Amino acid sequence: DLRRSETELEITRERLTSIFTALPDALWSVGAQTRRYIYVSPAAKQVLGVAPDALMHNENLANELVHPKDRPIAAQAWERLEQDGEFDVDYRIVRPGGAVRWINNRARLIRNADGVPERIDGLARDITEQVEHRKRIARLSRIRELSSQINAALVRLGERQALFDEICRIAVNVGHFIGAHIGLFNAERKLEWVAHGGTSGAHLKTAAVSVAEDAQGRTIGGQAYHSAKPAVWNDVVVGIAVILLSLPRG
């Protein structure tokens, strides 16, 4: 009977190990008192970018992987665990090599028969694609709302200046643009800024917008004027994106 029980236990252990290995999520377990890992599934390598043994031998490694800006979020989740007995939190990690990924980490406090905390079992999942998909949906929804409110303003407002001011306000408040500015070319083909929202318009006096057919006219402002199409300058170094739209006269 003992031999049969041991055989059945070994079969069950091999079956569970096979299931854990096949799962795309990283399963983990830490001691409730020591907070040291007592088990990490093989999927940790794919999800977190580090081998299970590395987590087992370095109790601080999991926290070191968390993006510096998201460490307070992760810390608050562990604090909630002591009160609620579980947590479910999303945050970013920085894998060795610099890749940033979004992780969903869930955990539950396990108590023994006497109600004493024994261990914490959890599951970490890479949700980067889901987060990016939600961002795309939110961006498309914002664009639709922006277009809808601008169209409504075109119908509602008959006075030009009021319309320009409202469009700038909508671009900032609904479109979440840092700044929105509208300029008109006068009879001498000189640009006059007539409305702005968000960031200060003080810098507009030095904005490079020329209609000349020379080097200056080939700047982003000149491109928008001559092509009557959106011109985009996206400087990823300083984190600034500029979009200029040139609308035909009349």
Protein backbone atom coordinates (compact mmCIF):
# COMPACT_ATOMS: atom_id res chain seq x y z
CA ASP A 1 0.00 0.00 0.00
CA LEU A 2 2.85 2.38 0.82
CA ARG A 3 4.60 1.57 -2.46
CA ARG A 4 1.36 2.12 -4.38
CA SER A 5 0.75 5.45 -2.63
CA GLU A 6 4.28 6.61 -3.40
CA THR A 7 3.85 5.63 -7.07
CA GLU A 8 0.55 7.51 -7.31
CA LEU A 9 2.11 10.54 -5.63
CA GLU A 10 5.01 10.51 -8.07
CA ILE A 11 2.63 10.25 -11.03
CA THR A 12 0.61 13.19 -9.70
CA ARG A 13 3.80 15.23 -9.17
CA GLU A 14 5.00 14.52 -12.73
CA ARG A 15 1.57 15.45 -14.11
CA LEU A 16 1.53 18.76 -12.23
CA THR A 17 5.09 19.52 -13.30
CA SER A 18 4.13 18.88 -16.92
CA ILE A 19 1.13 21.22 -16.60
CA PHE A 20 3.18 23.98 -14.92
CA THR A 21 5.84 23.69 -17.62
CA ALA A 22 3.26 24.02 -20.41
CA LEU A 23 1.56 27.08 -18.92
CA PRO A 24 2.57 30.43 -20.49
CA ASP A 25 2.17 32.11 -17.09
CA ALA A 26 4.84 32.09 -14.40
CA LEU A 27 3.66 30.37 -11.22
CA TRP A 28 5.45 31.25 -8.00
CA SER A 29 5.26 30.70 -4.28
CA VAL A 30 7.04 32.43 -1.41
CA GLY A 31 7.14 31.81 2.32
CA ALA A 32 4.66 34.02 4.17
CA GLN A 33 7.20 34.94 6.83
CA THR A 34 10.50 34.88 4.93
CA ARG A 35 9.19 36.21 1.59
CA ARG A 36 11.76 33.99 -0.07
CA TYR A 37 10.79 32.01 -3.18
CA ILE A 38 10.14 28.33 -2.54
CA TYR A 39 8.94 27.62 -6.10
CA VAL A 40 9.13 29.35 -9.49
CA SER A 41 7.84 27.69 -12.65
CA PRO A 42 9.95 27.47 -15.84
CA ALA A 43 7.74 30.08 -17.59
CA ALA A 44 9.46 32.79 -15.51
CA LYS A 45 12.15 32.88 -18.18
CA GLN A 46 9.63 33.85 -20.88
CA VAL A 47 7.52 36.17 -18.71
CA LEU A 48 10.15 37.94 -16.61
CA GLY A 49 13.26 37.34 -18.67
CA VAL A 50 15.17 35.65 -15.82
CA ALA A 51 15.66 31.99 -14.94
CA PRO A 52 13.72 30.51 -12.01
CA ASP A 53 16.97 29.75 -10.18
CA ALA A 54 17.93 33.44 -10.30
CA LEU A 55 14.73 34.37 -8.45
CA MET A 56 15.18 31.53 -5.98
CA HIS A 57 18.70 32.66 -5.06
CA ASN A 58 18.12 36.44 -5.07
CA GLU A 59 15.12 37.50 -2.99
CA ASN A 60 15.44 41.12 -4.19
CA LEU A 61 15.58 40.34 -7.91
CA ALA A 62 11.80 40.41 -8.46
CA ASN A 63 11.58 43.92 -7.04
CA GLU A 64 14.63 45.03 -9.02
CA LEU A 65 12.88 43.99 -12.23
CA VAL A 66 9.92 46.31 -11.55
CA HIS A 67 10.07 49.58 -13.47
CA PRO A 68 11.31 52.31 -11.09
CA LYS A 69 8.16 54.39 -11.63
CA ASP A 70 5.91 51.42 -10.85
CA ARG A 71 7.65 50.18 -7.70
CA PRO A 72 5.25 52.11 -5.41
CA ILE A 73 2.34 50.34 -7.13
CA ALA A 74 3.91 46.93 -6.55
CA ALA A 75 4.73 47.80 -2.93
CA GLN A 76 1.13 48.88 -2.26
CA ALA A 77 -0.10 45.56 -3.69
CA TRP A 78 1.98 43.62 -1.15
CA GLU A 79 0.63 45.84 1.63
CA ARG A 80 -2.93 45.04 0.52
CA LEU A 81 -2.06 41.35 0.68
CA GLU A 82 -1.60 41.57 4.43
CA GLN A 83 -5.03 43.20 4.83
CA ASP A 84 -7.12 41.52 2.13
CA GLY A 85 -5.28 38.22 1.72
CA GLU A 86 -4.81 38.76 -2.03
CA PHE A 87 -3.83 41.24 -4.73
CA ASP A 88 -4.24 41.68 -8.48
CA VAL A 89 -2.02 44.38 -9.96
CA ASP A 90 -0.62 45.51 -13.33
CA TYR A 91 2.80 47.12 -13.62
CA ARG A 92 5.82 47.35 -15.90
CA ILE A 93 9.05 45.42 -15.59
CA VAL A 94 12.41 46.04 -17.24
CA ARG A 95 13.92 42.79 -18.46
CA PRO A 96 17.67 42.26 -18.55
CA GLY A 97 18.66 43.94 -21.79
CA GLY A 98 16.26 46.87 -21.33
CA ALA A 99 12.98 45.56 -22.81
CA VAL A 100 9.95 47.00 -21.00
CA ARG A 101 6.97 44.68 -20.58
CA TRP A 102 3.61 44.94 -18.81
CA ILE A 103 2.94 42.27 -16.19
CA ASN A 104 -0.23 41.22 -14.39
CA ASN A 105 0.69 39.74 -11.03
CA ARG A 106 -1.89 37.99 -8.86
CA ALA A 107 -1.35 36.42 -5.47
CA ARG A 108 -3.24 34.88 -2.56
CA LEU A 109 -2.23 34.29 1.04
CA ILE A 110 -2.43 30.62 2.07
CA ARG A 111 -2.99 29.74 5.73
CA ASN A 112 -2.54 26.42 7.50
CA ALA A 113 -5.20 24.56 9.48
CA ASP A 114 -4.62 26.84 12.47
CA GLY A 115 -5.11 30.00 10.39
CA VAL A 116 -1.45 30.94 10.49
CA PRO A 117 -0.06 32.41 7.21
CA GLU A 118 2.02 29.70 5.57
CA ARG A 119 2.87 30.84 2.06
CA ILE A 120 1.86 33.16 -0.76
CA ASP A 121 0.98 31.63 -4.12
CA GLY A 122 0.91 33.75 -7.25
CA LEU A 123 0.79 33.93 -11.02
CA ALA A 124 2.57 36.44 -13.27
CA ARG A 125 1.38 36.99 -16.85
CA ASP A 126 2.77 39.09 -19.69
CA ILE A 127 -0.07 41.43 -20.74
CA THR A 128 1.94 43.78 -22.96
CA GLU A 129 -0.17 43.06 -26.05
CA GLN A 130 -3.43 43.55 -24.15
CA VAL A 131 -2.22 46.88 -22.73
CA GLU A 132 -1.16 48.10 -26.17
CA HIS A 133 -4.53 47.02 -27.58
CA ARG A 134 -6.37 48.96 -24.86
CA LYS A 135 -4.25 52.01 -25.63
CA ARG A 136 -5.13 51.78 -29.33
CA ILE A 137 -8.83 51.49 -28.51
CA ALA A 138 -8.62 54.48 -26.16
CA ARG A 139 -6.75 56.51 -28.78
CA LEU A 140 -9.34 55.73 -31.47
CA SER A 141 -12.16 56.61 -29.07
CA ARG A 142 -10.45 59.91 -28.27
CA ILE A 143 -10.05 60.70 -31.97
CA ARG A 144 -13.73 59.98 -32.62
CA GLU A 145 -14.79 62.17 -29.71
CA LEU A 146 -12.45 64.93 -30.88
CA SER A 147 -13.89 64.86 -34.41
CA SER A 148 -17.44 64.73 -33.09
CA GLN A 149 -17.02 67.78 -30.85
CA ILE A 150 -15.24 69.81 -33.53
CA ASN A 151 -18.00 69.01 -36.02
CA ALA A 152 -20.58 70.08 -33.45
CA ALA A 153 -18.68 73.33 -32.90
CA LEU A 154 -18.67 74.02 -36.65
CA VAL A 155 -22.46 73.76 -36.66
CA ARG A 156 -23.05 75.57 -33.36
CA LEU A 157 -20.69 78.55 -33.66
CA GLY A 158 -21.05 81.09 -36.45
CA GLU A 159 -18.48 83.64 -35.26
CA ARG A 160 -14.97 82.83 -36.52
CA GLN A 161 -12.93 83.78 -33.45
CA ALA A 162 -15.26 81.89 -31.12
CA LEU A 163 -14.94 78.85 -33.39
CA PHE A 164 -11.13 79.02 -33.40
CA ASP A 165 -11.00 79.34 -29.61
CA GLU A 166 -13.38 76.42 -29.18
CA ILE A 167 -11.38 74.19 -31.54
CA CYS A 168 -8.19 74.87 -29.56
CA ARG A 169 -10.01 74.11 -26.31
CA ILE A 170 -11.38 70.84 -27.68
CA ALA A 171 -7.96 69.79 -28.99
CA VAL A 172 -6.44 70.24 -25.52
CA ASN A 173 -9.25 69.02 -23.27
CA VAL A 174 -10.61 66.19 -25.43
CA GLY A 175 -7.70 65.36 -27.73
CA HIS A 176 -5.17 65.60 -24.87
CA PHE A 177 -2.78 67.68 -26.99
CA ILE A 178 -0.30 69.73 -24.98
CA GLY A 179 -1.05 72.78 -27.07
CA ALA A 180 -3.17 73.80 -30.05
CA HIS A 181 -2.68 76.98 -32.09
CA ILE A 182 -4.40 78.47 -35.13
CA GLY A 183 -2.78 80.96 -37.47
CA LEU A 184 -4.00 82.81 -40.54
CA PHE A 185 -1.98 84.20 -43.43
CA ASN A 186 -2.76 87.82 -44.19
CA ALA A 187 -2.72 89.53 -47.60
CA GLU A 188 1.10 89.82 -47.42
CA ARG A 189 1.29 86.07 -46.78
CA LYS A 190 2.54 86.66 -43.25
CA LEU A 191 1.29 84.34 -40.56
CA GLU A 192 -0.76 85.81 -37.73
CA TRP A 193 -1.62 83.57 -34.76
CA VAL A 194 -5.23 84.19 -33.79
CA ALA A 195 -6.01 81.47 -31.23
CA HIS A 196 -4.21 79.06 -28.96
CA GLY A 197 -4.95 76.66 -26.14
CA GLY A 198 -2.91 74.68 -23.65
CA THR A 199 0.73 75.72 -23.68
CA SER A 200 1.62 79.40 -23.80
CA GLY A 201 1.58 81.02 -27.21
CA ALA A 202 4.63 83.18 -26.46
CA HIS A 203 6.87 80.95 -28.55
CA LEU A 204 4.69 81.39 -31.65
CA LYS A 205 6.41 84.68 -32.54
CA THR A 206 9.55 82.73 -33.36
CA ALA A 207 7.84 79.76 -35.01
CA ALA A 208 9.46 78.87 -38.32
CA VAL A 209 6.60 79.23 -40.78
CA SER A 210 7.53 80.62 -44.16
CA VAL A 211 5.75 80.47 -47.48
CA ALA A 212 8.89 81.29 -49.47
CA GLU A 213 10.23 78.81 -52.01
CA ASP A 214 13.59 78.64 -50.25
CA ALA A 215 15.23 76.60 -47.51
CA GLN A 216 13.09 78.19 -44.81
CA GLY A 217 9.99 77.50 -46.81
CA ARG A 218 10.84 73.81 -46.69
CA THR A 219 10.50 73.70 -42.90
CA ILE A 220 7.52 71.95 -41.35
CA GLY A 221 5.46 75.14 -41.59
CA GLY A 222 6.36 75.67 -45.23
CA GLN A 223 5.61 72.05 -46.03
CA ALA A 224 2.12 72.35 -44.57
CA TYR A 225 1.46 75.59 -46.45
CA HIS A 226 2.65 74.43 -49.88
CA SER A 227 1.21 70.91 -49.75
CA ALA A 228 -2.05 71.70 -47.90
CA LYS A 229 -1.45 68.39 -46.08
CA PRO A 230 -0.51 67.58 -42.49
CA ALA A 231 3.20 68.00 -41.77
CA VAL A 232 4.65 66.10 -38.82
CA TRP A 233 7.84 66.61 -36.84
CA ASN A 234 8.39 63.87 -34.29
CA ASP A 235 11.47 64.42 -32.13
CA VAL A 236 11.79 61.29 -29.98
CA VAL A 237 14.91 62.65 -28.27
CA VAL A 238 13.16 65.54 -26.56
CA GLY A 239 9.72 63.93 -26.59
CA ILE A 240 7.98 66.50 -28.77
CA ALA A 241 5.61 65.87 -31.66
CA VAL A 242 4.37 68.75 -33.81
CA ILE A 243 1.58 68.48 -36.37
CA LEU A 244 0.75 71.40 -38.63
CA LEU A 245 -2.36 71.45 -40.76
CA SER A 246 -2.75 73.83 -43.66
CA LEU A 247 -6.31 74.46 -44.79
CA PRO A 248 -7.09 75.92 -48.23
CA ARG A 249 -8.35 79.47 -48.39
CA GLY A 250 -12.11 79.80 -48.38
